[in-house]
Amino acid sequence: MKYPPNPFTQALRRGEQQIGLWISLSSNFAAEVVSTAGFDWALVDMEHSPNDYFSVLGQLQAFAATSTTAIVRVEWNDAVVVKRLLDLGAPGLLFPMIQTVEEAKAAVAATRYPPRGVRGVSGATRATRFGRCTDYVGRVEEETAVLLQLETRAAVERAEEIAAVDGVTGIFFGPADIGADIGKLGRPMDEAVWNLIRPAARKLIDAGMPVGTLVQDARFAAQLLDEGFSFVACGTDTVLLARASDALLAQVKEYRS
C-alpha cells in the first residue's frame, strides 16, 4: 500500500488557494457535520479547546473520508506532542507562538525522523495504515504540512527569516495575539493589526511562501485571498453556532412583535 499524497500540501505547492474552517467543538460528531460542507481544509484546535488525543483522533477519522484536509494545531512546540499526533495520522500541524528561527527549526525537526530530525520511530501506527504503507518513512516528510504561527510584533518582523527555515510549508499570522501584543487586545480586525501583517505577508507571498490566517468575516477572508493569501480560515464552528443561535432567537422574537 502506498502512502497517499496530502491534498493540502500539494495544493499549496501548485499555488492553489485553500479555504478553511476552524474546529473547536472537540466532537467527532460535530466535525462530521461540517466535514462534507466542501472546505479545502479544517483546523482541529488543541491549543484553545478541550481537545485531547482521543477527540482529535475521532475528528481525523470524520474528515478522512472527505475532501477536506484536517490540520491539527498542537498545544505547544513540543516534540512529544508532535510525535503522537503524527502517529495518529495528522496530515499537517500548526505550531503556535513561533518567535525565532531556532523555534522554527525545532518545530520542523519534531516532524522529521533522524538524522534530519528527532521524531521517534514506530511502525504499526494509524499514520502508516498499521504498517501497510511500506513507503511511509520515505514520503511522509514531503507530504506533511508544517505551518508556523506568528503572534507578536517581534515574530512578524522576523517573518522572512523564520519562513526561510528548511521544511516550512507555510506561515500563519494570528491577528488576535498580534493585536494583543501591540495594545489592541480583543480587536483582531483593527487597522493597526493588519497594517503590521499585510507588508510582512506581501514579502512572503512575493518570495513564494504560502501565507494564511483566521478571520471571522467572509468578505474580509475573500479580500485576503484576492491579495494573495494561500490558506484562509473564514470562520470557527463555535462562533457559527453562537451566531446562528442568537440570530434564530432574535428572529423568533421579532416575528412575535
C-alpha atoms as a PDB file:
ATOM      1  CA  MET A   1       0.000   0.000   0.000  1.00  0.00           C
ATOM      2  CA  LYS A   2       1.325   3.437  -0.986  1.00  0.00           C
ATOM      3  CA  TYR A   3       1.210   6.420   1.348  1.00  0.00           C
ATOM      4  CA  PRO A   4      -1.359   8.840  -0.140  1.00  0.00           C
ATOM      5  CA  PRO A   5      -0.489  12.407  -1.140  1.00  0.00           C
ATOM      6  CA  ASN A   6      -1.624  15.250   1.111  1.00  0.00           C
ATOM      7  CA  PRO A   7      -4.154  17.339  -0.867  1.00  0.00           C
ATOM      8  CA  PHE A   8      -3.482  20.459   1.227  1.00  0.00           C
ATOM      9  CA  THR A   9       0.297  20.342   0.858  1.00  0.00           C
ATOM     10  CA  GLN A  10       0.098  19.517  -2.827  1.00  0.00           C
ATOM     11  CA  ALA A  11      -2.400  22.325  -3.463  1.00  0.00           C
ATOM     12  CA  LEU A  12      -0.133  24.903  -1.815  1.00  0.00           C
ATOM     13  CA  ARG A  13       2.776  23.718  -3.948  1.00  0.00           C
ATOM     14  CA  ARG A  14       0.652  24.199  -7.067  1.00  0.00           C
ATOM     15  CA  GLY A  15      -0.324  27.684  -5.932  1.00  0.00           C
ATOM     16  CA  GLU A  16      -3.963  26.743  -5.359  1.00  0.00           C
ATOM     17  CA  GLN A  17      -5.662  28.723  -2.596  1.00  0.00           C
ATOM     18  CA  GLN A  18      -7.326  26.829   0.236  1.00  0.00           C
ATOM     19  CA  ILE A  19     -10.442  27.957   2.146  1.00  0.00           C
ATOM     20  CA  GLY A  20     -10.717  26.595   5.666  1.00  0.00           C
ATOM     21  CA  LEU A  21     -12.817  26.319   8.803  1.00  0.00           C
ATOM     22  CA  TRP A  22     -11.626  26.353  12.440  1.00  0.00           C
ATOM     23  CA  ILE A  23     -12.797  23.384  14.512  1.00  0.00           C
ATOM     24  CA  SER A  24     -13.050  23.911  18.287  1.00  0.00           C
ATOM     25  CA  LEU A  25     -16.107  21.945  19.424  1.00  0.00           C
ATOM     26  CA  SER A  26     -13.924  18.895  20.184  1.00  0.00           C
ATOM     27  CA  SER A  27     -16.529  16.454  18.904  1.00  0.00           C
ATOM     28  CA  ASN A  28     -16.204  13.899  16.137  1.00  0.00           C
ATOM     29  CA  PHE A  29     -19.959  14.207  15.544  1.00  0.00           C
ATOM     30  CA  ALA A  30     -19.746  17.995  15.145  1.00  0.00           C
ATOM     31  CA  ALA A  31     -16.732  17.515  12.869  1.00  0.00           C
ATOM     32  CA  GLU A  32     -18.715  15.105  10.738  1.00  0.00           C
ATOM     33  CA  VAL A  33     -21.490  17.694  10.360  1.00  0.00           C
ATOM     34  CA  VAL A  34     -19.098  20.149   8.657  1.00  0.00           C
ATOM     35  CA  SER A  35     -16.813  17.581   7.028  1.00  0.00           C
ATOM     36  CA  THR A  36     -18.826  17.393   3.801  1.00  0.00           C
ATOM     37  CA  ALA A  37     -19.509  21.130   3.515  1.00  0.00           C
ATOM     38  CA  GLY A  38     -16.704  21.363   0.965  1.00  0.00           C
ATOM     39  CA  PHE A  39     -13.980  23.305   2.765  1.00  0.00           C
ATOM     40  CA  ASP A  40     -10.464  22.614   1.493  1.00  0.00           C
ATOM     41  CA  TRP A  41      -9.015  22.344   4.993  1.00  0.00           C
ATOM     42  CA  ALA A  42     -10.098  22.326   8.614  1.00  0.00           C
ATOM     43  CA  LEU A  43      -8.063  23.213  11.671  1.00  0.00           C
ATOM     44  CA  VAL A  44      -8.623  20.922  14.652  1.00  0.00           C
ATOM     45  CA  ASP A  45      -7.510  23.067  17.568  1.00  0.00           C
ATOM     46  CA  MET A  46      -5.715  21.674  20.624  1.00  0.00           C
ATOM     47  CA  GLU A  47      -4.392  24.995  21.920  1.00  0.00           C
ATOM     48  CA  HIS A  48      -7.640  26.774  22.794  1.00  0.00           C
ATOM     49  CA  SER A  49     -10.158  23.939  23.114  1.00  0.00           C
ATOM     50  CA  PRO A  50     -10.745  20.910  25.383  1.00  0.00           C
ATOM     51  CA  ASN A  51      -9.412  18.507  22.742  1.00  0.00           C
ATOM     52  CA  ASP A  52      -7.305  15.533  23.761  1.00  0.00           C
ATOM     53  CA  TYR A  53      -5.680  12.799  21.671  1.00  0.00           C
ATOM     54  CA  PHE A  54      -8.819  10.645  21.504  1.00  0.00           C
ATOM     55  CA  SER A  55     -11.085  13.516  20.470  1.00  0.00           C
ATOM     56  CA  VAL A  56      -8.563  14.590  17.830  1.00  0.00           C
ATOM     57  CA  LEU A  57      -8.435  11.009  16.566  1.00  0.00           C
ATOM     58  CA  GLY A  58     -12.216  10.934  16.191  1.00  0.00           C
ATOM     59  CA  GLN A  59     -12.174  14.186  14.236  1.00  0.00           C
ATOM     60  CA  LEU A  60      -9.362  12.995  11.970  1.00  0.00           C
ATOM     61  CA  GLN A  61     -11.468   9.923  11.249  1.00  0.00           C
ATOM     62  CA  ALA A  62     -14.502  12.093  10.488  1.00  0.00           C
ATOM     63  CA  PHE A  63     -12.582  14.147   7.925  1.00  0.00           C
ATOM     64  CA  ALA A  64     -10.643  11.212   6.454  1.00  0.00           C
ATOM     65  CA  ALA A  65     -13.495  10.121   4.205  1.00  0.00           C
ATOM     66  CA  THR A  66     -13.977  13.605   2.736  1.00  0.00           C
ATOM     67  CA  SER A  67     -12.071  16.032   0.521  1.00  0.00           C
ATOM     68  CA  THR A  68     -11.298  18.305   3.498  1.00  0.00           C
ATOM     69  CA  THR A  69      -7.766  18.006   4.910  1.00  0.00           C
ATOM     70  CA  ALA A  70      -7.682  18.164   8.711  1.00  0.00           C
ATOM     71  CA  ILE A  71      -4.711  20.088  10.102  1.00  0.00           C
ATOM     72  CA  VAL A  72      -4.085  19.966  13.878  1.00  0.00           C
ATOM     73  CA  ARG A  73      -2.861  22.911  15.918  1.00  0.00           C
ATOM     74  CA  VAL A  74      -0.616  21.494  18.625  1.00  0.00           C
ATOM     75  CA  GLU A  75      -0.771  22.767  22.189  1.00  0.00           C
ATOM     76  CA  TRP A  76       2.825  23.932  22.026  1.00  0.00           C
ATOM     77  CA  ASN A  77       6.066  23.435  20.130  1.00  0.00           C
ATOM     78  CA  ASP A  78       6.657  20.118  21.882  1.00  0.00           C
ATOM     79  CA  ALA A  79       8.316  17.170  20.126  1.00  0.00           C
ATOM     80  CA  VAL A  80       6.431  14.601  22.227  1.00  0.00           C
ATOM     81  CA  VAL A  81       3.035  16.059  21.293  1.00  0.00           C
ATOM     82  CA  VAL A  82       4.102  16.263  17.652  1.00  0.00           C
ATOM     83  CA  LYS A  83       5.247  12.633  17.621  1.00  0.00           C
ATOM     84  CA  ARG A  84       1.938  11.394  18.978  1.00  0.00           C
ATOM     85  CA  LEU A  85      -0.183  13.456  16.584  1.00  0.00           C
ATOM     86  CA  LEU A  86       1.835  12.374  13.562  1.00  0.00           C
ATOM     87  CA  ASP A  87       1.497   8.748  14.656  1.00  0.00           C
ATOM     88  CA  LEU A  88      -2.267   9.347  14.818  1.00  0.00           C
ATOM     89  CA  GLY A  89      -2.110  10.326  11.167  1.00  0.00           C
ATOM     90  CA  ALA A  90      -2.384  14.117  11.298  1.00  0.00           C
ATOM     91  CA  PRO A  91      -1.536  15.235   7.745  1.00  0.00           C
ATOM     92  CA  GLY A  92      -0.296  18.598   8.939  1.00  0.00           C
ATOM     93  CA  LEU A  93       0.420  20.622  12.067  1.00  0.00           C
ATOM     94  CA  LEU A  94       0.131  24.277  13.009  1.00  0.00           C
ATOM     95  CA  PHE A  95       2.667  25.359  15.638  1.00  0.00           C
ATOM     96  CA  PRO A  96       1.552  28.300  17.823  1.00  0.00           C
ATOM     97  CA  MET A  97       3.654  31.216  19.045  1.00  0.00           C
ATOM     98  CA  ILE A  98       6.788  30.719  16.947  1.00  0.00           C
ATOM     99  CA  GLN A  99       9.083  33.596  17.841  1.00  0.00           C
ATOM    100  CA  THR A 100      12.526  32.760  16.467  1.00  0.00           C
ATOM    101  CA  VAL A 101      14.410  30.853  13.802  1.00  0.00           C
ATOM    102  CA  GLU A 102      15.542  28.416  16.488  1.00  0.00           C
ATOM    103  CA  GLU A 103      11.951  27.658  17.456  1.00  0.00           C
ATOM    104  CA  ALA A 104      11.052  27.213  13.801  1.00  0.00           C
ATOM    105  CA  LYS A 105      13.897  24.732  13.362  1.00  0.00           C
ATOM    106  CA  ALA A 106      12.746  22.818  16.459  1.00  0.00           C
ATOM    107  CA  ALA A 107       9.209  22.592  15.061  1.00  0.00           C
ATOM    108  CA  VAL A 108      10.424  21.200  11.753  1.00  0.00           C
ATOM    109  CA  ALA A 109      12.826  18.793  13.491  1.00  0.00           C
ATOM    110  CA  ALA A 110       9.959  17.361  15.541  1.00  0.00           C
ATOM    111  CA  THR A 111       8.263  16.276  12.289  1.00  0.00           C
ATOM    112  CA  ARG A 112      11.386  14.618  10.812  1.00  0.00           C
ATOM    113  CA  TYR A 113      12.972  11.264  11.501  1.00  0.00           C
ATOM    114  CA  PRO A 114      16.714  11.117  12.286  1.00  0.00           C
ATOM    115  CA  PRO A 115      19.146  12.162  11.027  1.00  0.00           C
ATOM    116  CA  ARG A 116      17.099  15.158   9.795  1.00  0.00           C
ATOM    117  CA  GLY A 117      15.090  15.487  12.993  1.00  0.00           C
ATOM    118  CA  VAL A 118      14.123  13.995  16.329  1.00  0.00           C
ATOM    119  CA  ARG A 119      10.850  12.151  15.674  1.00  0.00           C
ATOM    120  CA  GLY A 120      10.725   8.726  17.270  1.00  0.00           C
ATOM    121  CA  VAL A 121      10.052   5.719  15.065  1.00  0.00           C
ATOM    122  CA  SER A 122       7.019   3.453  15.435  1.00  0.00           C
ATOM    123  CA  GLY A 123       5.857   1.117  12.690  1.00  0.00           C
ATOM    124  CA  ALA A 124       2.265  -0.035  13.214  1.00  0.00           C
ATOM    125  CA  THR A 125       0.511   3.318  13.656  1.00  0.00           C
ATOM    126  CA  ARG A 126      -2.615   4.811  12.127  1.00  0.00           C
ATOM    127  CA  ALA A 127      -0.312   7.045  10.064  1.00  0.00           C
ATOM    128  CA  THR A 128       1.276   4.013   8.357  1.00  0.00           C
ATOM    129  CA  ARG A 129      -2.094   2.267   7.954  1.00  0.00           C
ATOM    130  CA  PHE A 130      -0.831  -0.005  10.740  1.00  0.00           C
ATOM    131  CA  GLY A 131       2.315  -0.966   8.898  1.00  0.00           C
ATOM    132  CA  ARG A 132       0.730  -1.409   5.465  1.00  0.00           C
ATOM    133  CA  CYS A 133       2.235   1.756   3.903  1.00  0.00           C
ATOM    134  CA  THR A 134       5.708   0.471   3.130  1.00  0.00           C
ATOM    135  CA  ASP A 135       6.879   3.814   1.696  1.00  0.00           C
ATOM    136  CA  TYR A 136       5.725   5.921   4.661  1.00  0.00           C
ATOM    137  CA  VAL A 137       9.125   6.857   6.072  1.00  0.00           C
ATOM    138  CA  GLY A 138      10.326   7.887   2.626  1.00  0.00           C
ATOM    139  CA  ARG A 139       7.347  10.082   1.785  1.00  0.00           C
ATOM    140  CA  VAL A 140       5.848  11.493   4.984  1.00  0.00           C
ATOM    141  CA  GLU A 141       8.313  14.362   5.161  1.00  0.00           C
ATOM    142  CA  GLU A 142       7.326  15.801   1.787  1.00  0.00           C
ATOM    143  CA  GLU A 143       3.603  15.320   2.435  1.00  0.00           C
ATOM    144  CA  THR A 144       3.286  16.659   5.998  1.00  0.00           C
ATOM    145  CA  ALA A 145       2.261  20.320   6.202  1.00  0.00           C
ATOM    146  CA  VAL A 146       4.390  22.252   8.699  1.00  0.00           C
ATOM    147  CA  LEU A 147       2.715  25.599   9.405  1.00  0.00           C
ATOM    148  CA  LEU A 148       4.222  28.152  11.776  1.00  0.00           C
ATOM    149  CA  GLN A 149       2.071  30.715  13.565  1.00  0.00           C
ATOM    150  CA  LEU A 150       3.432  34.218  14.173  1.00  0.00           C
ATOM    151  CA  GLU A 151       1.648  36.014  17.001  1.00  0.00           C
ATOM    152  CA  THR A 152       3.740  39.005  18.098  1.00  0.00           C
ATOM    153  CA  ARG A 153       5.271  42.088  16.508  1.00  0.00           C
ATOM    154  CA  ALA A 154       8.744  40.650  17.009  1.00  0.00           C
ATOM    155  CA  ALA A 155       7.801  37.415  15.253  1.00  0.00           C
ATOM    156  CA  VAL A 156       6.199  39.295  12.345  1.00  0.00           C
ATOM    157  CA  GLU A 157       9.356  41.355  11.969  1.00  0.00           C
ATOM    158  CA  ARG A 158      11.325  38.084  11.696  1.00  0.00           C
ATOM    159  CA  ALA A 159       8.843  36.530   9.266  1.00  0.00           C
ATOM    160  CA  GLU A 160      11.272  36.255   6.351  1.00  0.00           C
ATOM    161  CA  GLU A 161      13.969  34.613   8.479  1.00  0.00           C
ATOM    162  CA  ILE A 162      11.501  32.166  10.021  1.00  0.00           C
ATOM    163  CA  ALA A 163       9.970  31.316   6.647  1.00  0.00           C
ATOM    164  CA  ALA A 164      13.422  30.590   5.229  1.00  0.00           C
ATOM    165  CA  VAL A 165      13.889  27.606   7.571  1.00  0.00           C
ATOM    166  CA  ASP A 166      14.079  24.415   5.519  1.00  0.00           C
ATOM    167  CA  GLY A 167      10.919  22.337   5.827  1.00  0.00           C
ATOM    168  CA  VAL A 168       8.422  25.139   6.489  1.00  0.00           C
ATOM    169  CA  THR A 169       5.276  24.699   4.383  1.00  0.00           C
ATOM    170  CA  GLY A 170       3.546  27.956   5.266  1.00  0.00           C
ATOM    171  CA  ILE A 171       3.396  30.923   7.622  1.00  0.00           C
ATOM    172  CA  PHE A 172       0.206  31.660   9.556  1.00  0.00           C
ATOM    173  CA  PHE A 173      -0.474  35.107  11.016  1.00  0.00           C
ATOM    174  CA  GLY A 174      -2.512  35.177  14.249  1.00  0.00           C
ATOM    175  CA  PRO A 175      -4.297  38.551  14.318  1.00  0.00           C
ATOM    176  CA  ALA A 176      -5.830  38.145  17.783  1.00  0.00           C
ATOM    177  CA  ASP A 177      -2.496  37.661  19.551  1.00  0.00           C
ATOM    178  CA  ILE A 178      -0.705  40.134  17.316  1.00  0.00           C
ATOM    179  CA  GLY A 179      -3.389  42.630  18.281  1.00  0.00           C
ATOM    180  CA  ALA A 180      -2.879  41.889  21.971  1.00  0.00           C
ATOM    181  CA  ASP A 181       0.877  42.306  21.583  1.00  0.00           C
ATOM    182  CA  ILE A 182       0.525  45.794  20.077  1.00  0.00           C
ATOM    183  CA  GLY A 183      -2.083  47.031  22.541  1.00  0.00           C
ATOM    184  CA  LYS A 184      -5.202  46.065  20.593  1.00  0.00           C
ATOM    185  CA  LEU A 185      -6.447  43.229  22.810  1.00  0.00           C
ATOM    186  CA  GLY A 186      -9.806  41.929  21.613  1.00  0.00           C
ATOM    187  CA  ARG A 187      -9.542  43.875  18.350  1.00  0.00           C
ATOM    188  CA  PRO A 188      -8.075  41.478  15.747  1.00  0.00           C
ATOM    189  CA  MET A 189      -9.635  43.449  12.880  1.00  0.00           C
ATOM    190  CA  ASP A 190      -8.087  46.741  13.966  1.00  0.00           C
ATOM    191  CA  GLU A 191      -6.366  48.593  11.135  1.00  0.00           C
ATOM    192  CA  ALA A 192      -3.084  48.700  13.073  1.00  0.00           C
ATOM    193  CA  VAL A 193      -3.031  44.892  13.259  1.00  0.00           C
ATOM    194  CA  TRP A 194      -3.395  44.461   9.532  1.00  0.00           C
ATOM    195  CA  ASN A 195      -1.010  47.308   8.771  1.00  0.00           C
ATOM    196  CA  LEU A 196       1.574  45.132  10.533  1.00  0.00           C
ATOM    197  CA  ILE A 197       0.533  41.830   8.962  1.00  0.00           C
ATOM    198  CA  ARG A 198      -0.011  42.864   5.353  1.00  0.00           C
ATOM    199  CA  PRO A 199       3.506  44.123   4.478  1.00  0.00           C
ATOM    200  CA  ALA A 200       5.114  41.049   6.049  1.00  0.00           C
ATOM    201  CA  ALA A 201       2.669  38.778   4.246  1.00  0.00           C
ATOM    202  CA  ARG A 202       3.339  40.503   0.932  1.00  0.00           C
ATOM    203  CA  LYS A 203       7.082  39.906   1.239  1.00  0.00           C
ATOM    204  CA  LEU A 204       6.490  36.204   1.863  1.00  0.00           C
ATOM    205  CA  ILE A 205       3.972  35.933  -0.973  1.00  0.00           C
ATOM    206  CA  ASP A 206       6.412  37.587  -3.363  1.00  0.00           C
ATOM    207  CA  ALA A 207       9.065  35.096  -2.232  1.00  0.00           C
ATOM    208  CA  GLY A 208       6.741  32.175  -2.961  1.00  0.00           C
ATOM    209  CA  MET A 209       5.957  31.242   0.642  1.00  0.00           C
ATOM    210  CA  PRO A 210       2.280  30.358   1.305  1.00  0.00           C
ATOM    211  CA  VAL A 211       0.690  32.534   3.997  1.00  0.00           C
ATOM    212  CA  GLY A 212      -2.519  32.038   5.933  1.00  0.00           C
ATOM    213  CA  THR A 213      -4.683  33.326   8.747  1.00  0.00           C
ATOM    214  CA  LEU A 214      -8.046  33.036  10.513  1.00  0.00           C
ATOM    215  CA  VAL A 215     -10.751  35.701  10.327  1.00  0.00           C
ATOM    216  CA  GLN A 216     -14.444  35.633  11.234  1.00  0.00           C
ATOM    217  CA  ASP A 217     -15.623  37.725   8.295  1.00  0.00           C
ATOM    218  CA  ALA A 218     -16.384  36.138   4.921  1.00  0.00           C
ATOM    219  CA  ARG A 219     -15.889  39.345   2.947  1.00  0.00           C
ATOM    220  CA  PHE A 220     -12.516  40.035   4.559  1.00  0.00           C
ATOM    221  CA  ALA A 221     -11.465  36.402   4.053  1.00  0.00           C
ATOM    222  CA  ALA A 222     -12.228  36.744   0.345  1.00  0.00           C
ATOM    223  CA  GLN A 223     -10.292  40.012   0.239  1.00  0.00           C
ATOM    224  CA  LEU A 224      -7.217  38.376   1.762  1.00  0.00           C
ATOM    225  CA  LEU A 225      -7.393  35.564  -0.784  1.00  0.00           C
ATOM    226  CA  ASP A 226      -7.598  38.191  -3.533  1.00  0.00           C
ATOM    227  CA  GLU A 227      -4.464  39.781  -2.052  1.00  0.00           C
ATOM    228  CA  GLY A 228      -2.579  36.507  -2.415  1.00  0.00           C
ATOM    229  CA  PHE A 229      -3.057  34.709   0.897  1.00  0.00           C
ATOM    230  CA  SER A 230      -2.840  30.973   0.246  1.00  0.00           C
ATOM    231  CA  PHE A 231      -4.860  29.408   3.066  1.00  0.00           C
ATOM    232  CA  VAL A 232      -7.511  31.335   4.979  1.00  0.00           C
ATOM    233  CA  ALA A 233      -9.909  30.005   7.599  1.00  0.00           C
ATOM    234  CA  CYS A 234     -13.071  32.081   7.287  1.00  0.00           C
ATOM    235  CA  GLY A 235     -14.862  31.062  10.465  1.00  0.00           C
ATOM    236  CA  THR A 236     -14.966  28.940  13.613  1.00  0.00           C
ATOM    237  CA  ASP A 237     -17.523  26.243  14.384  1.00  0.00           C
ATOM    238  CA  THR A 238     -18.188  27.655  17.848  1.00  0.00           C
ATOM    239  CA  VAL A 239     -18.739  31.178  16.512  1.00  0.00           C
ATOM    240  CA  LEU A 240     -21.003  29.900  13.741  1.00  0.00           C
ATOM    241  CA  LEU A 241     -23.135  28.041  16.279  1.00  0.00           C
ATOM    242  CA  ALA A 242     -23.279  31.009  18.646  1.00  0.00           C
ATOM    243  CA  ARG A 243     -24.188  33.483  15.904  1.00  0.00           C
ATOM    244  CA  ALA A 244     -26.817  31.217  14.386  1.00  0.00           C
ATOM    245  CA  SER A 245     -28.368  30.572  17.801  1.00  0.00           C
ATOM    246  CA  ASP A 246     -28.504  34.278  18.630  1.00  0.00           C
ATOM    247  CA  ALA A 247     -29.928  35.124  15.206  1.00  0.00           C
ATOM    248  CA  LEU A 248     -32.617  32.454  15.410  1.00  0.00           C
ATOM    249  CA  LEU A 249     -33.814  33.585  18.823  1.00  0.00           C
ATOM    250  CA  ALA A 250     -33.837  37.234  17.746  1.00  0.00           C
ATOM    251  CA  GLN A 251     -35.766  36.333  14.610  1.00  0.00           C
ATOM    252  CA  VAL A 252     -38.461  34.467  16.511  1.00  0.00           C
ATOM    253  CA  LYS A 253     -38.835  37.376  18.955  1.00  0.00           C
ATOM    254  CA  GLU A 254     -39.072  39.791  16.032  1.00  0.00           C
ATOM    255  CA  TYR A 255     -41.820  37.746  14.379  1.00  0.00           C
ATOM    256  CA  ARG A 256     -43.844  37.834  17.617  1.00  0.00           C
ATOM    257  CA  SER A 257     -43.729  41.602  17.998  1.00  0.00           C
END
